[in-house]
N, C-alpha and C. Protein backbone atom coordinates (compact mmCIF):
# COMPACT_ATOMS: atom_id res chain seq x y z
N MET A 1 -39.57 -3.15 22.11
CA MET A 1 -38.29 -2.91 21.44
C MET A 1 -37.43 -2.05 22.38
N SER A 2 -36.15 -2.39 22.47
CA SER A 2 -35.25 -1.66 23.35
C SER A 2 -34.96 -0.26 22.81
N PRO A 3 -34.61 0.71 23.70
CA PRO A 3 -34.25 2.05 23.23
C PRO A 3 -33.07 2.03 22.27
N ALA A 4 -32.12 1.13 22.49
CA ALA A 4 -30.95 1.05 21.60
C ALA A 4 -31.38 0.62 20.20
N ALA A 5 -32.32 -0.32 20.11
CA ALA A 5 -32.78 -0.78 18.80
C ALA A 5 -33.52 0.33 18.07
N VAL A 6 -34.31 1.12 18.82
CA VAL A 6 -35.02 2.23 18.20
C VAL A 6 -34.02 3.26 17.67
N ALA A 7 -32.96 3.53 18.43
CA ALA A 7 -31.96 4.52 18.03
C ALA A 7 -31.22 4.10 16.76
N ARG A 8 -31.12 2.79 16.50
CA ARG A 8 -30.39 2.32 15.32
C ARG A 8 -31.24 2.33 14.07
N ARG A 9 -32.54 2.43 14.22
CA ARG A 9 -33.42 2.38 13.05
C ARG A 9 -33.35 3.68 12.27
N PRO A 10 -33.36 3.59 10.93
CA PRO A 10 -33.34 4.82 10.13
C PRO A 10 -34.68 5.55 10.23
N ALA A 11 -34.64 6.83 9.96
CA ALA A 11 -35.87 7.62 9.94
C ALA A 11 -36.79 7.06 8.87
N PRO A 12 -38.10 7.19 9.04
CA PRO A 12 -39.03 6.69 8.02
C PRO A 12 -38.72 7.28 6.65
N GLY A 13 -38.73 6.42 5.65
CA GLY A 13 -38.46 6.86 4.29
C GLY A 13 -37.00 6.96 3.93
N ARG A 14 -36.10 6.74 4.88
CA ARG A 14 -34.66 6.81 4.62
C ARG A 14 -34.10 5.41 4.54
N PRO A 15 -33.27 5.12 3.53
CA PRO A 15 -32.68 3.78 3.44
C PRO A 15 -31.68 3.56 4.56
N ARG A 16 -31.60 2.34 5.00
CA ARG A 16 -30.64 1.98 6.03
C ARG A 16 -29.24 1.97 5.42
N ARG A 17 -28.29 2.57 6.12
CA ARG A 17 -26.90 2.58 5.66
C ARG A 17 -26.20 1.34 6.21
N ARG A 18 -25.53 0.64 5.33
CA ARG A 18 -24.77 -0.53 5.77
C ARG A 18 -23.29 -0.22 5.65
N MET A 19 -22.59 -0.34 6.76
CA MET A 19 -21.16 -0.07 6.78
C MET A 19 -20.43 -1.40 6.74
N ALA A 20 -19.43 -1.47 5.87
CA ALA A 20 -18.63 -2.68 5.75
C ALA A 20 -17.91 -2.96 7.06
N ARG A 21 -17.69 -4.21 7.33
CA ARG A 21 -16.97 -4.60 8.53
C ARG A 21 -15.47 -4.46 8.32
N MET A 22 -14.78 -4.31 9.43
CA MET A 22 -13.31 -4.25 9.40
C MET A 22 -12.80 -5.69 9.49
N GLY A 23 -12.37 -6.23 8.36
CA GLY A 23 -11.76 -7.54 8.36
C GLY A 23 -10.30 -7.44 8.77
N PRO A 24 -9.59 -8.56 8.79
CA PRO A 24 -8.19 -8.55 9.21
C PRO A 24 -7.31 -7.61 8.39
N ARG A 25 -7.55 -7.51 7.09
CA ARG A 25 -6.73 -6.66 6.23
C ARG A 25 -6.90 -5.19 6.60
N LEU A 26 -8.14 -4.73 6.74
CA LEU A 26 -8.37 -3.34 7.09
C LEU A 26 -7.91 -3.02 8.51
N ARG A 27 -8.09 -3.96 9.44
CA ARG A 27 -7.60 -3.74 10.81
C ARG A 27 -6.08 -3.59 10.82
N ALA A 28 -5.39 -4.43 10.04
CA ALA A 28 -3.93 -4.35 9.97
C ALA A 28 -3.49 -3.04 9.32
N LEU A 29 -4.21 -2.57 8.30
CA LEU A 29 -3.90 -1.28 7.69
C LEU A 29 -4.07 -0.15 8.71
N LEU A 30 -5.14 -0.18 9.47
CA LEU A 30 -5.38 0.83 10.49
C LEU A 30 -4.24 0.85 11.50
N GLU A 31 -3.82 -0.32 11.95
CA GLU A 31 -2.72 -0.41 12.93
C GLU A 31 -1.41 0.08 12.34
N LEU A 32 -1.20 -0.12 11.06
CA LEU A 32 0.05 0.26 10.40
C LEU A 32 0.15 1.77 10.17
N CYS A 33 -0.98 2.43 10.00
CA CYS A 33 -0.98 3.87 9.71
C CYS A 33 -0.54 4.68 10.92
N PRO A 34 0.43 5.58 10.74
CA PRO A 34 0.77 6.49 11.82
C PRO A 34 -0.43 7.35 12.21
N ARG A 35 -0.42 7.86 13.41
CA ARG A 35 -1.54 8.67 13.89
C ARG A 35 -1.46 10.12 13.44
N GLU A 36 -0.38 10.51 12.78
CA GLU A 36 -0.24 11.90 12.37
C GLU A 36 -1.07 12.17 11.12
N GLY A 37 -1.79 13.25 11.15
CA GLY A 37 -2.62 13.64 10.02
C GLY A 37 -2.28 15.05 9.61
N PRO A 38 -2.99 15.56 8.66
CA PRO A 38 -4.14 15.01 7.95
C PRO A 38 -3.77 13.76 7.13
N VAL A 39 -4.77 12.90 6.94
CA VAL A 39 -4.57 11.66 6.21
C VAL A 39 -5.72 11.46 5.22
N ALA A 40 -5.42 10.78 4.12
CA ALA A 40 -6.45 10.51 3.11
C ALA A 40 -6.44 9.04 2.74
N ASP A 41 -7.63 8.47 2.64
CA ASP A 41 -7.83 7.13 2.12
C ASP A 41 -8.23 7.31 0.66
N VAL A 42 -7.28 7.08 -0.24
CA VAL A 42 -7.47 7.32 -1.67
C VAL A 42 -8.12 6.10 -2.30
N GLY A 43 -9.23 6.31 -3.01
CA GLY A 43 -9.98 5.18 -3.55
C GLY A 43 -10.66 4.44 -2.41
N SER A 44 -11.33 5.18 -1.58
CA SER A 44 -11.83 4.70 -0.29
C SER A 44 -12.88 3.60 -0.37
N GLY A 45 -13.60 3.52 -1.47
CA GLY A 45 -14.63 2.47 -1.59
C GLY A 45 -15.76 2.70 -0.61
N HIS A 46 -15.92 1.81 0.35
CA HIS A 46 -17.00 1.91 1.33
C HIS A 46 -16.70 2.88 2.46
N GLY A 47 -15.47 3.37 2.56
CA GLY A 47 -15.15 4.40 3.55
C GLY A 47 -14.89 3.92 4.95
N ARG A 48 -14.92 2.62 5.18
CA ARG A 48 -14.77 2.10 6.54
C ARG A 48 -13.41 2.46 7.14
N LEU A 49 -12.34 2.34 6.36
CA LEU A 49 -11.01 2.66 6.89
C LEU A 49 -10.92 4.14 7.24
N ALA A 50 -11.42 5.01 6.38
CA ALA A 50 -11.41 6.46 6.66
C ALA A 50 -12.18 6.76 7.95
N LEU A 51 -13.32 6.12 8.12
CA LEU A 51 -14.12 6.33 9.32
C LEU A 51 -13.35 5.89 10.57
N GLU A 52 -12.68 4.76 10.49
CA GLU A 52 -11.92 4.27 11.64
C GLU A 52 -10.69 5.14 11.91
N LEU A 53 -10.08 5.68 10.86
CA LEU A 53 -8.96 6.61 11.06
C LEU A 53 -9.45 7.85 11.81
N LYS A 54 -10.63 8.33 11.47
CA LYS A 54 -11.20 9.50 12.15
C LYS A 54 -11.54 9.17 13.59
N ARG A 55 -12.12 8.02 13.83
CA ARG A 55 -12.47 7.62 15.20
C ARG A 55 -11.22 7.49 16.06
N ARG A 56 -10.16 6.98 15.48
CA ARG A 56 -8.91 6.77 16.21
C ARG A 56 -8.24 8.10 16.54
N SER A 57 -8.33 9.07 15.65
CA SER A 57 -7.70 10.38 15.83
C SER A 57 -8.71 11.48 15.50
N PRO A 58 -9.66 11.74 16.41
CA PRO A 58 -10.73 12.68 16.11
C PRO A 58 -10.26 14.09 15.79
N GLU A 59 -9.07 14.46 16.28
CA GLU A 59 -8.56 15.81 16.02
C GLU A 59 -7.96 15.96 14.62
N ALA A 60 -7.65 14.85 13.96
CA ALA A 60 -7.00 14.89 12.64
C ALA A 60 -8.03 15.09 11.53
N ASP A 61 -7.64 15.82 10.49
CA ASP A 61 -8.46 15.90 9.29
C ASP A 61 -8.29 14.58 8.54
N VAL A 62 -9.40 13.98 8.17
CA VAL A 62 -9.40 12.71 7.43
C VAL A 62 -10.23 12.91 6.17
N TYR A 63 -9.66 12.49 5.04
CA TYR A 63 -10.31 12.60 3.74
C TYR A 63 -10.50 11.21 3.15
N ALA A 64 -11.60 11.04 2.45
CA ALA A 64 -11.86 9.82 1.68
C ALA A 64 -12.09 10.27 0.25
N THR A 65 -11.36 9.67 -0.70
CA THR A 65 -11.51 10.09 -2.09
C THR A 65 -12.04 8.96 -2.96
N GLU A 66 -12.74 9.37 -4.00
CA GLU A 66 -13.18 8.47 -5.07
C GLU A 66 -13.07 9.24 -6.37
N GLU A 67 -12.71 8.53 -7.43
CA GLU A 67 -12.49 9.20 -8.71
C GLU A 67 -13.78 9.62 -9.40
N GLY A 68 -14.75 8.75 -9.47
CA GLY A 68 -15.94 9.03 -10.26
C GLY A 68 -17.11 9.53 -9.43
N THR A 69 -18.08 10.13 -10.13
CA THR A 69 -19.26 10.68 -9.47
C THR A 69 -20.08 9.59 -8.79
N GLY A 70 -20.28 8.47 -9.45
CA GLY A 70 -21.06 7.38 -8.87
C GLY A 70 -20.45 6.85 -7.59
N PRO A 71 -19.16 6.46 -7.61
CA PRO A 71 -18.54 5.99 -6.37
C PRO A 71 -18.51 7.05 -5.26
N ALA A 72 -18.30 8.31 -5.63
CA ALA A 72 -18.29 9.38 -4.62
C ALA A 72 -19.68 9.54 -4.00
N ARG A 73 -20.71 9.43 -4.83
CA ARG A 73 -22.09 9.53 -4.33
C ARG A 73 -22.37 8.38 -3.36
N GLU A 74 -21.94 7.19 -3.70
CA GLU A 74 -22.14 6.04 -2.81
C GLU A 74 -21.39 6.23 -1.50
N LEU A 75 -20.19 6.76 -1.57
CA LEU A 75 -19.40 7.03 -0.37
C LEU A 75 -20.13 8.04 0.52
N ARG A 76 -20.69 9.07 -0.08
CA ARG A 76 -21.47 10.07 0.68
C ARG A 76 -22.69 9.42 1.33
N ARG A 77 -23.29 8.46 0.64
CA ARG A 77 -24.45 7.76 1.20
C ARG A 77 -24.04 6.92 2.41
N LEU A 78 -22.87 6.30 2.33
CA LEU A 78 -22.41 5.41 3.40
C LEU A 78 -21.88 6.15 4.62
N LEU A 79 -21.22 7.28 4.40
CA LEU A 79 -20.65 8.04 5.51
C LEU A 79 -21.57 9.20 5.84
N SER A 80 -22.04 9.25 7.04
CA SER A 80 -22.95 10.32 7.43
C SER A 80 -22.20 11.65 7.48
N PRO A 81 -22.91 12.75 7.28
CA PRO A 81 -22.26 14.07 7.37
C PRO A 81 -21.59 14.29 8.72
N GLY A 82 -22.08 13.68 9.77
CA GLY A 82 -21.51 13.83 11.10
C GLY A 82 -20.30 12.94 11.37
N SER A 83 -19.86 12.19 10.36
CA SER A 83 -18.73 11.27 10.57
C SER A 83 -17.41 12.00 10.76
N GLY A 84 -17.33 13.23 10.26
CA GLY A 84 -16.08 13.98 10.35
C GLY A 84 -15.12 13.69 9.23
N VAL A 85 -15.49 12.79 8.32
CA VAL A 85 -14.65 12.46 7.17
C VAL A 85 -15.08 13.32 5.99
N ALA A 86 -14.14 14.07 5.41
CA ALA A 86 -14.44 14.88 4.24
C ALA A 86 -14.31 14.03 2.99
N ILE A 87 -15.32 14.04 2.14
CA ILE A 87 -15.32 13.23 0.93
C ILE A 87 -14.93 14.12 -0.25
N LEU A 88 -13.92 13.68 -0.98
CA LEU A 88 -13.40 14.42 -2.12
C LEU A 88 -13.53 13.58 -3.38
N GLU A 89 -13.78 14.24 -4.50
CA GLU A 89 -13.93 13.54 -5.77
C GLU A 89 -12.86 13.99 -6.74
N GLY A 90 -12.21 13.01 -7.38
CA GLY A 90 -11.21 13.32 -8.37
C GLY A 90 -10.22 12.19 -8.50
N PRO A 91 -9.38 12.24 -9.53
CA PRO A 91 -8.45 11.13 -9.79
C PRO A 91 -7.25 11.11 -8.84
N GLY A 92 -6.96 9.94 -8.31
CA GLY A 92 -5.74 9.70 -7.54
C GLY A 92 -5.51 10.67 -6.40
N LEU A 93 -4.28 11.19 -6.36
CA LEU A 93 -3.88 12.12 -5.30
C LEU A 93 -4.32 13.56 -5.59
N ARG A 94 -4.74 13.84 -6.80
CA ARG A 94 -5.05 15.22 -7.21
C ARG A 94 -6.01 15.96 -6.27
N PRO A 95 -7.08 15.33 -5.75
CA PRO A 95 -7.99 16.07 -4.86
C PRO A 95 -7.32 16.54 -3.56
N LEU A 96 -6.14 16.01 -3.26
CA LEU A 96 -5.46 16.34 -2.01
C LEU A 96 -4.57 17.57 -2.12
N ALA A 97 -4.41 18.09 -3.32
CA ALA A 97 -3.52 19.24 -3.54
C ALA A 97 -3.93 20.39 -2.62
N GLY A 98 -2.95 20.93 -1.92
CA GLY A 98 -3.17 22.08 -1.04
C GLY A 98 -3.77 21.76 0.31
N LEU A 99 -4.03 20.50 0.62
CA LEU A 99 -4.64 20.14 1.89
C LEU A 99 -3.62 19.81 2.98
N GLY A 100 -2.36 19.69 2.60
CA GLY A 100 -1.32 19.42 3.59
C GLY A 100 -1.36 18.04 4.20
N CYS A 101 -1.79 17.05 3.44
CA CYS A 101 -1.85 15.69 3.97
C CYS A 101 -0.46 15.20 4.36
N ARG A 102 -0.37 14.61 5.54
CA ARG A 102 0.88 14.02 6.00
C ARG A 102 1.00 12.58 5.49
N GLY A 103 -0.14 11.93 5.31
CA GLY A 103 -0.10 10.54 4.88
C GLY A 103 -1.29 10.18 4.02
N VAL A 104 -1.11 9.08 3.28
CA VAL A 104 -2.18 8.53 2.46
C VAL A 104 -2.22 7.02 2.60
N VAL A 105 -3.38 6.48 2.35
CA VAL A 105 -3.57 5.04 2.26
C VAL A 105 -3.99 4.74 0.83
N LEU A 106 -3.26 3.83 0.20
CA LEU A 106 -3.60 3.34 -1.14
C LEU A 106 -3.72 1.83 -0.99
N ALA A 107 -4.94 1.34 -0.97
CA ALA A 107 -5.16 -0.07 -0.66
C ALA A 107 -6.24 -0.68 -1.54
N GLY A 108 -6.11 -1.99 -1.75
CA GLY A 108 -7.13 -2.71 -2.49
C GLY A 108 -7.07 -2.50 -3.99
N MET A 109 -5.96 -1.99 -4.48
CA MET A 109 -5.77 -1.81 -5.93
C MET A 109 -4.45 -2.47 -6.29
N GLY A 110 -4.22 -2.68 -7.54
CA GLY A 110 -3.01 -3.37 -7.97
C GLY A 110 -1.75 -2.54 -7.77
N GLY A 111 -0.62 -3.22 -7.71
CA GLY A 111 0.67 -2.55 -7.57
C GLY A 111 0.93 -1.59 -8.70
N ASN A 112 0.57 -1.97 -9.94
CA ASN A 112 0.75 -1.06 -11.08
C ASN A 112 -0.10 0.19 -10.93
N THR A 113 -1.31 0.04 -10.41
CA THR A 113 -2.19 1.19 -10.20
C THR A 113 -1.60 2.12 -9.14
N ILE A 114 -1.11 1.56 -8.05
CA ILE A 114 -0.50 2.38 -6.99
C ILE A 114 0.70 3.14 -7.55
N VAL A 115 1.55 2.47 -8.31
CA VAL A 115 2.69 3.14 -8.95
C VAL A 115 2.20 4.28 -9.82
N GLY A 116 1.17 4.03 -10.63
CA GLY A 116 0.63 5.05 -11.51
C GLY A 116 0.10 6.26 -10.74
N LEU A 117 -0.55 6.04 -9.62
CA LEU A 117 -1.08 7.14 -8.82
C LEU A 117 0.04 7.98 -8.22
N LEU A 118 1.08 7.33 -7.71
CA LEU A 118 2.21 8.06 -7.13
C LEU A 118 3.00 8.79 -8.21
N ARG A 119 3.13 8.15 -9.36
CA ARG A 119 3.88 8.74 -10.48
C ARG A 119 3.13 9.93 -11.10
N ALA A 120 1.81 9.90 -11.08
CA ALA A 120 1.01 10.95 -11.70
C ALA A 120 1.11 12.29 -10.97
N GLU A 121 1.36 12.26 -9.68
CA GLU A 121 1.46 13.48 -8.87
C GLU A 121 2.74 13.43 -8.04
N PRO A 122 3.91 13.50 -8.72
CA PRO A 122 5.18 13.28 -8.00
C PRO A 122 5.46 14.30 -6.89
N GLU A 123 5.14 15.57 -7.12
CA GLU A 123 5.39 16.58 -6.08
C GLU A 123 4.53 16.33 -4.85
N LEU A 124 3.28 16.04 -5.08
CA LEU A 124 2.38 15.76 -3.97
C LEU A 124 2.82 14.49 -3.24
N ALA A 125 3.17 13.45 -3.99
CA ALA A 125 3.62 12.20 -3.37
C ALA A 125 4.87 12.42 -2.53
N ARG A 126 5.79 13.22 -3.02
CA ARG A 126 7.05 13.47 -2.28
C ARG A 126 6.84 14.40 -1.09
N SER A 127 5.73 15.10 -1.04
CA SER A 127 5.46 15.99 0.09
C SER A 127 4.90 15.23 1.29
N LEU A 128 4.53 13.98 1.10
CA LEU A 128 3.96 13.17 2.18
C LEU A 128 5.03 12.76 3.18
N ALA A 129 4.64 12.59 4.42
CA ALA A 129 5.54 12.03 5.43
C ALA A 129 5.52 10.50 5.35
N TRP A 130 4.38 9.94 4.93
CA TRP A 130 4.25 8.49 4.88
C TRP A 130 3.12 8.09 3.93
N ALA A 131 3.19 6.83 3.50
CA ALA A 131 2.12 6.21 2.72
C ALA A 131 1.97 4.77 3.19
N CYS A 132 0.74 4.38 3.41
CA CYS A 132 0.43 3.01 3.80
C CYS A 132 -0.16 2.34 2.56
N LEU A 133 0.52 1.31 2.07
CA LEU A 133 0.16 0.70 0.79
C LEU A 133 -0.24 -0.76 0.98
N GLN A 134 -1.25 -1.17 0.25
CA GLN A 134 -1.66 -2.57 0.25
C GLN A 134 -2.08 -2.94 -1.16
N PRO A 135 -1.11 -3.43 -1.95
CA PRO A 135 -1.47 -3.84 -3.31
C PRO A 135 -2.26 -5.15 -3.30
N ALA A 136 -3.26 -5.21 -4.17
CA ALA A 136 -4.06 -6.44 -4.29
C ALA A 136 -3.32 -7.49 -5.11
N GLN A 137 -2.43 -7.05 -5.96
CA GLN A 137 -1.56 -7.93 -6.74
C GLN A 137 -0.37 -7.12 -7.22
N ARG A 138 0.59 -7.79 -7.82
CA ARG A 138 1.79 -7.14 -8.36
C ARG A 138 2.60 -6.37 -7.31
N GLU A 139 2.67 -6.93 -6.10
CA GLU A 139 3.44 -6.26 -5.06
C GLU A 139 4.93 -6.18 -5.39
N GLU A 140 5.42 -7.15 -6.17
CA GLU A 140 6.83 -7.11 -6.57
C GLU A 140 7.11 -5.91 -7.47
N ARG A 141 6.17 -5.57 -8.34
CA ARG A 141 6.29 -4.39 -9.20
C ARG A 141 6.32 -3.11 -8.37
N LEU A 142 5.44 -3.04 -7.38
CA LEU A 142 5.38 -1.88 -6.50
C LEU A 142 6.69 -1.74 -5.71
N GLU A 143 7.16 -2.83 -5.11
CA GLU A 143 8.42 -2.78 -4.35
C GLU A 143 9.59 -2.33 -5.22
N ALA A 144 9.67 -2.86 -6.42
CA ALA A 144 10.77 -2.49 -7.32
C ALA A 144 10.72 -1.00 -7.65
N TRP A 145 9.53 -0.47 -7.92
CA TRP A 145 9.40 0.94 -8.25
C TRP A 145 9.77 1.81 -7.05
N LEU A 146 9.27 1.45 -5.87
CA LEU A 146 9.59 2.22 -4.67
C LEU A 146 11.10 2.29 -4.43
N ARG A 147 11.77 1.16 -4.57
CA ARG A 147 13.23 1.13 -4.39
C ARG A 147 13.93 1.99 -5.45
N ALA A 148 13.50 1.85 -6.69
CA ALA A 148 14.13 2.61 -7.78
C ALA A 148 13.94 4.12 -7.59
N GLU A 149 12.84 4.52 -6.99
CA GLU A 149 12.54 5.94 -6.78
C GLU A 149 13.10 6.45 -5.44
N GLY A 150 13.74 5.58 -4.68
CA GLY A 150 14.37 6.00 -3.43
C GLY A 150 13.45 6.07 -2.22
N TRP A 151 12.24 5.52 -2.31
CA TRP A 151 11.35 5.51 -1.15
C TRP A 151 11.91 4.59 -0.08
N THR A 152 11.70 4.93 1.16
CA THR A 152 12.11 4.09 2.29
C THR A 152 11.01 3.09 2.58
N LEU A 153 11.36 1.82 2.50
CA LEU A 153 10.40 0.77 2.85
C LEU A 153 10.54 0.50 4.34
N GLY A 154 9.58 0.99 5.10
CA GLY A 154 9.61 0.84 6.55
C GLY A 154 9.01 -0.49 6.97
N GLN A 155 7.97 -0.41 7.76
CA GLN A 155 7.33 -1.63 8.25
C GLN A 155 6.63 -2.38 7.13
N ARG A 156 6.65 -3.69 7.25
CA ARG A 156 5.94 -4.55 6.31
C ARG A 156 5.19 -5.60 7.12
N ARG A 157 4.03 -5.94 6.63
CA ARG A 157 3.23 -6.98 7.27
C ARG A 157 2.58 -7.84 6.20
N ALA A 158 2.26 -9.03 6.59
CA ALA A 158 1.48 -9.93 5.74
C ALA A 158 0.24 -10.33 6.54
N VAL A 159 -0.91 -10.29 5.88
CA VAL A 159 -2.18 -10.59 6.55
C VAL A 159 -2.95 -11.59 5.71
N LEU A 160 -3.47 -12.60 6.37
CA LEU A 160 -4.30 -13.60 5.70
C LEU A 160 -5.76 -13.25 5.91
N GLU A 161 -6.50 -13.12 4.80
CA GLU A 161 -7.93 -12.85 4.87
C GLU A 161 -8.63 -13.68 3.81
N ARG A 162 -9.58 -14.47 4.24
CA ARG A 162 -10.34 -15.34 3.33
C ARG A 162 -9.44 -16.20 2.45
N GLY A 163 -8.39 -16.73 3.05
CA GLY A 163 -7.49 -17.63 2.35
C GLY A 163 -6.50 -16.95 1.42
N ARG A 164 -6.45 -15.64 1.43
CA ARG A 164 -5.54 -14.89 0.56
C ARG A 164 -4.55 -14.09 1.41
N LEU A 165 -3.30 -14.11 0.99
CA LEU A 165 -2.26 -13.38 1.70
C LEU A 165 -2.09 -11.99 1.09
N TYR A 166 -2.22 -10.97 1.92
CA TYR A 166 -2.04 -9.58 1.50
C TYR A 166 -0.78 -9.02 2.13
N ARG A 167 -0.04 -8.22 1.37
CA ARG A 167 1.17 -7.55 1.88
C ARG A 167 0.84 -6.08 2.09
N LEU A 168 1.28 -5.56 3.23
CA LEU A 168 1.06 -4.18 3.60
C LEU A 168 2.40 -3.53 3.84
N TYR A 169 2.53 -2.28 3.42
CA TYR A 169 3.79 -1.55 3.52
C TYR A 169 3.55 -0.16 4.11
N LEU A 170 4.42 0.26 4.99
CA LEU A 170 4.49 1.64 5.43
C LEU A 170 5.75 2.21 4.84
N VAL A 171 5.62 3.18 3.95
CA VAL A 171 6.76 3.72 3.22
C VAL A 171 6.83 5.23 3.38
N ALA A 172 7.99 5.79 3.04
CA ALA A 172 8.19 7.24 3.08
C ALA A 172 8.98 7.66 1.86
N PRO A 173 8.64 8.82 1.29
CA PRO A 173 9.40 9.29 0.12
C PRO A 173 10.83 9.65 0.51
N ALA A 174 11.71 9.66 -0.49
CA ALA A 174 13.13 9.99 -0.24
C ALA A 174 13.28 11.43 0.15
């Protein structure tokens, strides 16, 4: 067995960690996100985007959040303590209070959910320099709300993944 293969094997008795791959949607989100931090991947799921944000900008503080105890525990299992990504637990943007985040990623959730998260913490949302958004559906609802609230719709992209078209937005509060 090669030394590289031995290095990849988990210690005896430890489960192997499987990290999700970066598909076209996540790669496009990573490219769309400004490099300025601190940054948070809200509702991070498997944590792959947060990990790649940290790898891209090792000097930046990167946070991955999950609302519930179970999802946060799974995120801790997937991201090693040495990843440099801080895992926070709590609803929406609330865990980011006082951390000085310059940007957030809200991806893989519906447009109504994204609106609800931004609306629930208006001061925190308005303190951001940018937000990278990728609604899974109801993007028209999200766009209408952003315009009505005076957010600047900056860059937009469309990405095809597994036969589905996803819309990505880089926005800034008014």
